[in-house]
Amino acid sequence: MQPLSRRQMAWRAAQDLPEGAYVNLGIGLPTLCGDYIPPGREIVFHSENGVLGTGPAPKKGEEDSDLINAGKQLVTLVPGGSYFHHNDAFLMIRGGHIDIALLGAFEVSEKGDLANWITNDPTATPGVGGAMDLAAGAKEVRVLVEHITKEGEPRLKKVCTYPLTAPGCVKRIYTNFAVIDVTPDGLVVREMADGLDLAALQKLTEPRLTLANDWKKLTAPAM
């Protein structure tokens, strides 16, 4: 079985972003998606610290220390891009002007509940940022998350064990093992990594999975 790397996960999620969409990239793994937009497709990336039209990560020697995203990572600005007060960036989120939010997660439930701002670790620092606003305000929320923890525990849960960011907001989940849709009938597997079958994937997942009739092999370019 060959799971996807983090960059391959980002590539896969980027391929589904529709032409002309306004998309917020959450801190962490989702920020990599900006590097893998298909040629010729225009996606407008938004960052809640006050940037619209972020591009790929800058090449060495072309960094601008004044141009960063919400995760304090250096970014580029595409032609026509702009930056402004973060109040206006949040007005865009809360006003329903973000088509898709790509977020990271600690856990996602079978009903699409999202937990991504704190764990039960008493030494951990809470990191809610704009996640609650995005989960409530974006037209659609998609999540990128490694399928299991370092200890081998599933991140896809029947019920989240960590405090929720928002209930029932997640519509699609991209993991290093599969692409899964959250539907009224439960979790539906659309794609699986090479070498996996539904039984093997189910052992790594707490909620019951259903395999789509038109499921495909999950593949990505070498990176």
C-alpha atoms as a PDB file:
ATOM      1  CA  MET A   1       0.000   0.000   0.000  1.00  0.00           C
ATOM      2  CA  GLN A   2       1.385   3.373  -1.036  1.00  0.00           C
ATOM      3  CA  PRO A   3      -0.085   6.318   0.919  1.00  0.00           C
ATOM      4  CA  LEU A   4       0.203   9.837  -0.456  1.00  0.00           C
ATOM      5  CA  SER A   5       2.802  12.242   0.889  1.00  0.00           C
ATOM      6  CA  ARG A   6       1.657  15.578   2.338  1.00  0.00           C
ATOM      7  CA  ARG A   7       2.472  17.364  -0.920  1.00  0.00           C
ATOM      8  CA  GLN A   8       0.624  14.730  -2.929  1.00  0.00           C
ATOM      9  CA  MET A   9      -2.399  15.233  -0.657  1.00  0.00           C
ATOM     10  CA  ALA A  10      -2.232  18.968  -1.336  1.00  0.00           C
ATOM     11  CA  TRP A  11      -1.931  18.331  -5.074  1.00  0.00           C
ATOM     12  CA  ARG A  12      -4.991  16.075  -5.029  1.00  0.00           C
ATOM     13  CA  ALA A  13      -7.127  18.606  -3.165  1.00  0.00           C
ATOM     14  CA  ALA A  14      -6.030  21.405  -5.504  1.00  0.00           C
ATOM     15  CA  GLN A  15      -7.234  19.499  -8.574  1.00  0.00           C
ATOM     16  CA  ASP A  16     -10.852  19.721  -7.346  1.00  0.00           C
ATOM     17  CA  LEU A  17     -10.941  23.495  -6.940  1.00  0.00           C
ATOM     18  CA  PRO A  18     -13.299  24.910  -9.598  1.00  0.00           C
ATOM     19  CA  GLU A  19     -12.512  27.714 -12.022  1.00  0.00           C
ATOM     20  CA  GLY A  20     -12.993  31.168 -10.514  1.00  0.00           C
ATOM     21  CA  ALA A  21     -13.486  29.961  -6.926  1.00  0.00           C
ATOM     22  CA  TYR A  22     -12.566  32.140  -3.955  1.00  0.00           C
ATOM     23  CA  VAL A  23     -10.698  29.800  -1.616  1.00  0.00           C
ATOM     24  CA  ASN A  24      -9.241  30.162   1.863  1.00  0.00           C
ATOM     25  CA  LEU A  25      -6.252  27.946   2.656  1.00  0.00           C
ATOM     26  CA  GLY A  26      -6.048  26.987   6.324  1.00  0.00           C
ATOM     27  CA  ILE A  27      -2.813  27.000   8.282  1.00  0.00           C
ATOM     28  CA  GLY A  28      -0.581  23.962   7.827  1.00  0.00           C
ATOM     29  CA  LEU A  29      -1.077  21.326   5.154  1.00  0.00           C
ATOM     30  CA  PRO A  30      -3.734  23.259   3.147  1.00  0.00           C
ATOM     31  CA  THR A  31      -1.301  26.102   2.408  1.00  0.00           C
ATOM     32  CA  LEU A  32       0.607  23.728   0.117  1.00  0.00           C
ATOM     33  CA  CYS A  33      -2.396  23.585  -2.234  1.00  0.00           C
ATOM     34  CA  GLY A  34      -1.496  26.982  -3.655  1.00  0.00           C
ATOM     35  CA  ASP A  35       1.547  25.417  -5.328  1.00  0.00           C
ATOM     36  CA  TYR A  36      -0.474  22.897  -7.343  1.00  0.00           C
ATOM     37  CA  ILE A  37      -3.239  24.698  -9.211  1.00  0.00           C
ATOM     38  CA  PRO A  38      -3.749  23.121 -12.661  1.00  0.00           C
ATOM     39  CA  PRO A  39      -2.305  25.229 -15.503  1.00  0.00           C
ATOM     40  CA  GLY A  40      -4.805  27.653 -16.981  1.00  0.00           C
ATOM     41  CA  ARG A  41      -7.201  27.492 -14.033  1.00  0.00           C
ATOM     42  CA  GLU A  42      -7.824  30.716 -12.101  1.00  0.00           C
ATOM     43  CA  ILE A  43      -8.370  30.306  -8.360  1.00  0.00           C
ATOM     44  CA  VAL A  44      -8.434  33.354  -6.068  1.00  0.00           C
ATOM     45  CA  PHE A  45      -6.809  32.526  -2.739  1.00  0.00           C
ATOM     46  CA  HIS A  46      -7.834  34.433   0.374  1.00  0.00           C
ATOM     47  CA  SER A  47      -5.996  34.733   3.686  1.00  0.00           C
ATOM     48  CA  GLU A  48      -7.712  36.042   6.798  1.00  0.00           C
ATOM     49  CA  ASN A  49      -4.795  38.292   7.734  1.00  0.00           C
ATOM     50  CA  GLY A  50      -5.823  40.482   4.777  1.00  0.00           C
ATOM     51  CA  VAL A  51      -4.644  39.105   1.429  1.00  0.00           C
ATOM     52  CA  LEU A  52      -6.622  38.285  -1.695  1.00  0.00           C
ATOM     53  CA  GLY A  53      -4.833  36.716  -4.634  1.00  0.00           C
ATOM     54  CA  THR A  54      -1.965  34.847  -3.005  1.00  0.00           C
ATOM     55  CA  GLY A  55       0.162  32.761  -5.316  1.00  0.00           C
ATOM     56  CA  PRO A  56       2.663  29.921  -4.843  1.00  0.00           C
ATOM     57  CA  ALA A  57       5.455  30.078  -2.292  1.00  0.00           C
ATOM     58  CA  PRO A  58       8.211  32.469  -3.426  1.00  0.00           C
ATOM     59  CA  LYS A  59      11.328  31.170  -5.131  1.00  0.00           C
ATOM     60  CA  LYS A  60      14.618  31.538  -3.308  1.00  0.00           C
ATOM     61  CA  GLY A  61      15.823  35.114  -3.587  1.00  0.00           C
ATOM     62  CA  GLU A  62      12.355  36.470  -4.418  1.00  0.00           C
ATOM     63  CA  GLU A  63      10.950  36.515  -0.877  1.00  0.00           C
ATOM     64  CA  ASP A  64       9.129  39.615   0.400  1.00  0.00           C
ATOM     65  CA  SER A  65       9.140  39.633   4.201  1.00  0.00           C
ATOM     66  CA  ASP A  66       6.099  41.943   4.240  1.00  0.00           C
ATOM     67  CA  LEU A  67       3.947  39.481   2.295  1.00  0.00           C
ATOM     68  CA  ILE A  68       2.814  36.580   4.492  1.00  0.00           C
ATOM     69  CA  ASN A  69      -0.286  34.435   5.007  1.00  0.00           C
ATOM     70  CA  ALA A  70      -2.168  33.773   8.248  1.00  0.00           C
ATOM     71  CA  GLY A  71       0.370  31.107   9.201  1.00  0.00           C
ATOM     72  CA  LYS A  72       3.232  33.627   8.880  1.00  0.00           C
ATOM     73  CA  GLN A  73       4.531  31.810   5.789  1.00  0.00           C
ATOM     74  CA  LEU A  74       5.997  33.846   2.948  1.00  0.00           C
ATOM     75  CA  VAL A  75       3.713  34.008  -0.083  1.00  0.00           C
ATOM     76  CA  THR A  76       3.570  35.702  -3.467  1.00  0.00           C
ATOM     77  CA  LEU A  77       0.875  37.934  -4.885  1.00  0.00           C
ATOM     78  CA  VAL A  78      -0.599  37.187  -8.331  1.00  0.00           C
ATOM     79  CA  PRO A  79      -1.349  40.026 -10.801  1.00  0.00           C
ATOM     80  CA  GLY A  80      -4.475  41.790  -9.574  1.00  0.00           C
ATOM     81  CA  GLY A  81      -3.945  40.602  -6.001  1.00  0.00           C
ATOM     82  CA  SER A  82      -4.298  42.937  -3.033  1.00  0.00           C
ATOM     83  CA  TYR A  83      -3.834  43.209   0.684  1.00  0.00           C
ATOM     84  CA  PHE A  84      -5.952  45.107   3.191  1.00  0.00           C
ATOM     85  CA  HIS A  85      -7.076  45.266   6.824  1.00  0.00           C
ATOM     86  CA  HIS A  86      -7.849  41.898   8.405  1.00  0.00           C
ATOM     87  CA  ASN A  87     -11.268  43.234   9.451  1.00  0.00           C
ATOM     88  CA  ASP A  88     -12.199  43.312   5.776  1.00  0.00           C
ATOM     89  CA  ALA A  89     -10.824  39.795   5.314  1.00  0.00           C
ATOM     90  CA  PHE A  90     -13.140  38.547   8.066  1.00  0.00           C
ATOM     91  CA  LEU A  91     -16.062  40.477   6.607  1.00  0.00           C
ATOM     92  CA  MET A  92     -15.533  38.475   3.417  1.00  0.00           C
ATOM     93  CA  ILE A  93     -15.679  35.236   5.435  1.00  0.00           C
ATOM     94  CA  ARG A  94     -18.666  36.187   7.581  1.00  0.00           C
ATOM     95  CA  GLY A  95     -20.497  37.665   4.599  1.00  0.00           C
ATOM     96  CA  GLY A  96     -20.468  34.346   2.729  1.00  0.00           C
ATOM     97  CA  HIS A  97     -18.032  35.417   0.011  1.00  0.00           C
ATOM     98  CA  ILE A  98     -15.631  32.459   0.372  1.00  0.00           C
ATOM     99  CA  ASP A  99     -16.614  29.560  -1.879  1.00  0.00           C
ATOM    100  CA  ILE A 100     -14.380  26.910  -0.308  1.00  0.00           C
ATOM    101  CA  ALA A 101     -12.322  26.686   2.863  1.00  0.00           C
ATOM    102  CA  LEU A 102      -9.585  24.052   2.816  1.00  0.00           C
ATOM    103  CA  LEU A 103      -8.766  23.336   6.460  1.00  0.00           C
ATOM    104  CA  GLY A 104      -6.622  20.995   8.483  1.00  0.00           C
ATOM    105  CA  ALA A 105      -8.088  18.880  11.259  1.00  0.00           C
ATOM    106  CA  PHE A 106      -7.370  16.820  14.347  1.00  0.00           C
ATOM    107  CA  GLU A 107     -10.608  14.865  13.920  1.00  0.00           C
ATOM    108  CA  VAL A 108     -13.671  14.732  11.650  1.00  0.00           C
ATOM    109  CA  SER A 109     -16.841  12.870  12.602  1.00  0.00           C
ATOM    110  CA  GLU A 110     -19.082  10.769  10.369  1.00  0.00           C
ATOM    111  CA  LYS A 111     -21.556  13.681  10.370  1.00  0.00           C
ATOM    112  CA  GLY A 112     -18.929  16.177   9.207  1.00  0.00           C
ATOM    113  CA  ASP A 113     -18.259  17.708  12.624  1.00  0.00           C
ATOM    114  CA  LEU A 114     -14.857  19.411  12.635  1.00  0.00           C
ATOM    115  CA  ALA A 115     -12.339  19.513  15.503  1.00  0.00           C
ATOM    116  CA  ASN A 116      -9.226  21.438  14.521  1.00  0.00           C
ATOM    117  CA  TRP A 117      -8.385  24.080  17.106  1.00  0.00           C
ATOM    118  CA  ILE A 118      -7.326  22.212  20.261  1.00  0.00           C
ATOM    119  CA  THR A 119      -6.721  18.688  21.544  1.00  0.00           C
ATOM    120  CA  ASN A 120      -7.152  17.332  25.068  1.00  0.00           C
ATOM    121  CA  ASP A 121      -3.447  17.933  25.762  1.00  0.00           C
ATOM    122  CA  PRO A 122      -3.329  20.355  28.737  1.00  0.00           C
ATOM    123  CA  THR A 123       0.069  21.649  27.586  1.00  0.00           C
ATOM    124  CA  ALA A 124      -1.168  22.521  24.075  1.00  0.00           C
ATOM    125  CA  THR A 125      -1.822  26.124  23.104  1.00  0.00           C
ATOM    126  CA  PRO A 126      -5.297  26.727  21.603  1.00  0.00           C
ATOM    127  CA  GLY A 127      -5.083  27.822  17.974  1.00  0.00           C
ATOM    128  CA  VAL A 128      -8.554  28.705  16.777  1.00  0.00           C
ATOM    129  CA  GLY A 129      -7.499  31.631  14.544  1.00  0.00           C
ATOM    130  CA  GLY A 130     -10.169  32.107  11.886  1.00  0.00           C
ATOM    131  CA  ALA A 131     -11.218  28.452  11.807  1.00  0.00           C
ATOM    132  CA  MET A 132     -14.613  28.921  13.459  1.00  0.00           C
ATOM    133  CA  ASP A 133     -15.458  31.833  11.181  1.00  0.00           C
ATOM    134  CA  LEU A 134     -14.449  29.830   8.108  1.00  0.00           C
ATOM    135  CA  ALA A 135     -16.302  26.701   9.212  1.00  0.00           C
ATOM    136  CA  ALA A 136     -19.470  28.756   9.667  1.00  0.00           C
ATOM    137  CA  GLY A 137     -19.071  31.290   6.868  1.00  0.00           C
ATOM    138  CA  ALA A 138     -17.555  29.470   3.873  1.00  0.00           C
ATOM    139  CA  LYS A 139     -20.001  28.010   1.368  1.00  0.00           C
ATOM    140  CA  GLU A 140     -18.184  24.665   1.554  1.00  0.00           C
ATOM    141  CA  VAL A 141     -15.574  23.211   3.900  1.00  0.00           C
ATOM    142  CA  ARG A 142     -13.115  20.538   2.788  1.00  0.00           C
ATOM    143  CA  VAL A 143     -10.498  19.002   5.058  1.00  0.00           C
ATOM    144  CA  LEU A 144      -6.964  17.706   4.518  1.00  0.00           C
ATOM    145  CA  VAL A 145      -5.830  15.346   7.266  1.00  0.00           C
ATOM    146  CA  GLU A 146      -3.602  12.315   7.658  1.00  0.00           C
ATOM    147  CA  HIS A 147      -5.882   9.310   8.052  1.00  0.00           C
ATOM    148  CA  ILE A 148      -4.379   8.075  11.321  1.00  0.00           C
ATOM    149  CA  THR A 149      -2.314   9.588  14.127  1.00  0.00           C
ATOM    150  CA  LYS A 150       1.339   8.772  14.762  1.00  0.00           C
ATOM    151  CA  GLU A 151       0.064   6.266  17.308  1.00  0.00           C
ATOM    152  CA  GLY A 152      -2.099   4.572  14.672  1.00  0.00           C
ATOM    153  CA  GLU A 153      -5.434   5.877  15.952  1.00  0.00           C
ATOM    154  CA  PRO A 154      -8.107   6.928  13.417  1.00  0.00           C
ATOM    155  CA  ARG A 155      -8.755  10.628  12.899  1.00  0.00           C
ATOM    156  CA  LEU A 156     -12.138   9.912  11.312  1.00  0.00           C
ATOM    157  CA  LYS A 157     -14.447   9.321  14.258  1.00  0.00           C
ATOM    158  CA  LYS A 158     -18.044   8.370  14.936  1.00  0.00           C
ATOM    159  CA  VAL A 159     -18.064  11.271  17.395  1.00  0.00           C
ATOM    160  CA  CYS A 160     -15.205  13.759  17.821  1.00  0.00           C
ATOM    161  CA  THR A 161     -13.370  13.455  21.130  1.00  0.00           C
ATOM    162  CA  TYR A 162     -11.860  16.952  20.917  1.00  0.00           C
ATOM    163  CA  PRO A 163     -13.747  20.261  21.293  1.00  0.00           C
ATOM    164  CA  LEU A 164     -15.593  21.110  18.076  1.00  0.00           C
ATOM    165  CA  THR A 165     -14.755  23.940  15.759  1.00  0.00           C
ATOM    166  CA  ALA A 166     -18.178  23.589  14.109  1.00  0.00           C
ATOM    167  CA  PRO A 167     -20.786  20.840  13.722  1.00  0.00           C
ATOM    168  CA  GLY A 168     -21.707  19.267  10.391  1.00  0.00           C
ATOM    169  CA  CYS A 169     -19.639  21.605   8.218  1.00  0.00           C
ATOM    170  CA  VAL A 170     -17.244  19.240   6.379  1.00  0.00           C
ATOM    171  CA  LYS A 171     -18.304  18.011   2.932  1.00  0.00           C
ATOM    172  CA  ARG A 172     -15.156  16.281   1.653  1.00  0.00           C
ATOM    173  CA  ILE A 173     -12.087  14.761   3.326  1.00  0.00           C
ATOM    174  CA  TYR A 174      -8.697  14.269   1.680  1.00  0.00           C
ATOM    175  CA  THR A 175      -6.352  11.878   3.484  1.00  0.00           C
ATOM    176  CA  ASN A 176      -3.143  10.104   2.567  1.00  0.00           C
ATOM    177  CA  PHE A 177      -5.242   6.946   2.050  1.00  0.00           C
ATOM    178  CA  ALA A 178      -8.490   8.125   0.459  1.00  0.00           C
ATOM    179  CA  VAL A 179     -10.865  10.812  -0.760  1.00  0.00           C
ATOM    180  CA  ILE A 180     -14.108  10.597   1.218  1.00  0.00           C
ATOM    181  CA  ASP A 181     -17.382  12.512   0.956  1.00  0.00           C
ATOM    182  CA  VAL A 182     -19.576  13.272   3.946  1.00  0.00           C
ATOM    183  CA  THR A 183     -23.170  12.503   2.909  1.00  0.00           C
ATOM    184  CA  PRO A 184     -26.547  12.187   4.681  1.00  0.00           C
ATOM    185  CA  ASP A 185     -26.015   8.404   4.460  1.00  0.00           C
ATOM    186  CA  GLY A 186     -22.552   8.496   6.023  1.00  0.00           C
ATOM    187  CA  LEU A 187     -18.991   8.486   4.694  1.00  0.00           C
ATOM    188  CA  VAL A 188     -18.628   7.512   1.028  1.00  0.00           C
ATOM    189  CA  VAL A 189     -15.201   6.550  -0.337  1.00  0.00           C
ATOM    190  CA  ARG A 190     -14.564   8.096  -3.753  1.00  0.00           C
ATOM    191  CA  GLU A 191     -10.887   7.177  -4.124  1.00  0.00           C
ATOM    192  CA  MET A 192      -8.477   4.781  -2.357  1.00  0.00           C
ATOM    193  CA  ALA A 193      -4.696   4.523  -2.404  1.00  0.00           C
ATOM    194  CA  ASP A 194      -3.105   1.776  -4.443  1.00  0.00           C
ATOM    195  CA  GLY A 195      -2.986  -1.509  -2.536  1.00  0.00           C
ATOM    196  CA  LEU A 196      -5.947  -0.723  -0.278  1.00  0.00           C
ATOM    197  CA  ASP A 197      -9.379  -2.285  -0.351  1.00  0.00           C
ATOM    198  CA  LEU A 198     -12.445  -1.204   1.607  1.00  0.00           C
ATOM    199  CA  ALA A 199     -11.875  -3.759   4.368  1.00  0.00           C
ATOM    200  CA  ALA A 200      -8.319  -2.527   4.981  1.00  0.00           C
ATOM    201  CA  LEU A 201      -9.407   1.113   4.919  1.00  0.00           C
ATOM    202  CA  GLN A 202     -12.267   0.348   7.312  1.00  0.00           C
ATOM    203  CA  LYS A 203      -9.783  -1.007   9.887  1.00  0.00           C
ATOM    204  CA  LEU A 204      -8.156   2.435   9.903  1.00  0.00           C
ATOM    205  CA  THR A 205     -11.470   4.275  10.207  1.00  0.00           C
ATOM    206  CA  GLU A 206     -13.913   4.347  13.122  1.00  0.00           C
ATOM    207  CA  PRO A 207     -17.209   5.143  11.305  1.00  0.00           C
ATOM    208  CA  ARG A 208     -18.694   2.766   8.751  1.00  0.00           C
ATOM    209  CA  LEU A 209     -17.531   3.412   5.192  1.00  0.00           C
ATOM    210  CA  THR A 210     -19.450   2.877   1.955  1.00  0.00           C
ATOM    211  CA  LEU A 211     -17.609   2.428  -1.332  1.00  0.00           C
ATOM    212  CA  ALA A 212     -18.925   4.535  -4.215  1.00  0.00           C
ATOM    213  CA  ASN A 213     -19.975   2.537  -7.275  1.00  0.00           C
ATOM    214  CA  ASP A 214     -17.709   4.709  -9.432  1.00  0.00           C
ATOM    215  CA  TRP A 215     -14.737   4.785  -7.024  1.00  0.00           C
ATOM    216  CA  LYS A 216     -11.254   5.301  -8.449  1.00  0.00           C
ATOM    217  CA  LYS A 217      -7.651   4.626  -7.481  1.00  0.00           C
ATOM    218  CA  LEU A 218      -6.113   7.559  -5.589  1.00  0.00           C
ATOM    219  CA  THR A 219      -3.034   8.639  -7.514  1.00  0.00           C
ATOM    220  CA  ALA A 220      -0.776  11.683  -7.627  1.00  0.00           C
ATOM    221  CA  PRO A 221       2.445  12.652  -9.411  1.00  0.00           C
ATOM    222  CA  ALA A 222       5.749  11.804  -7.762  1.00  0.00           C
ATOM    223  CA  MET A 223       6.901  14.658  -5.511  1.00  0.00           C
END
